[in-house]
């Protein structure tokens, strides 16, 4: 896996803000780029994979770290 190109800190944000901010950030990134998203909203566990499936982006990884989740999304293209 390539190193994430950018990191989006969505800690403290509630649904749907982590996904909306990830969508906005991904729009400005080149195809194939990686975005690491940090989120602590419990709904993100459902929202982020759903967003990736709906938008065609690749959810590369999803893991727990120190009270939050870390998602790595590869932009489709």
Foldseek 3Di string as FASTA:
>chain_A
DDDAPEEAECEPPEPPVQLVVVVVVLVPDDAFHKYKYKYQHPCCVVVVVVSCVVQVWDFPDWDDDDRIIITIIGHHD
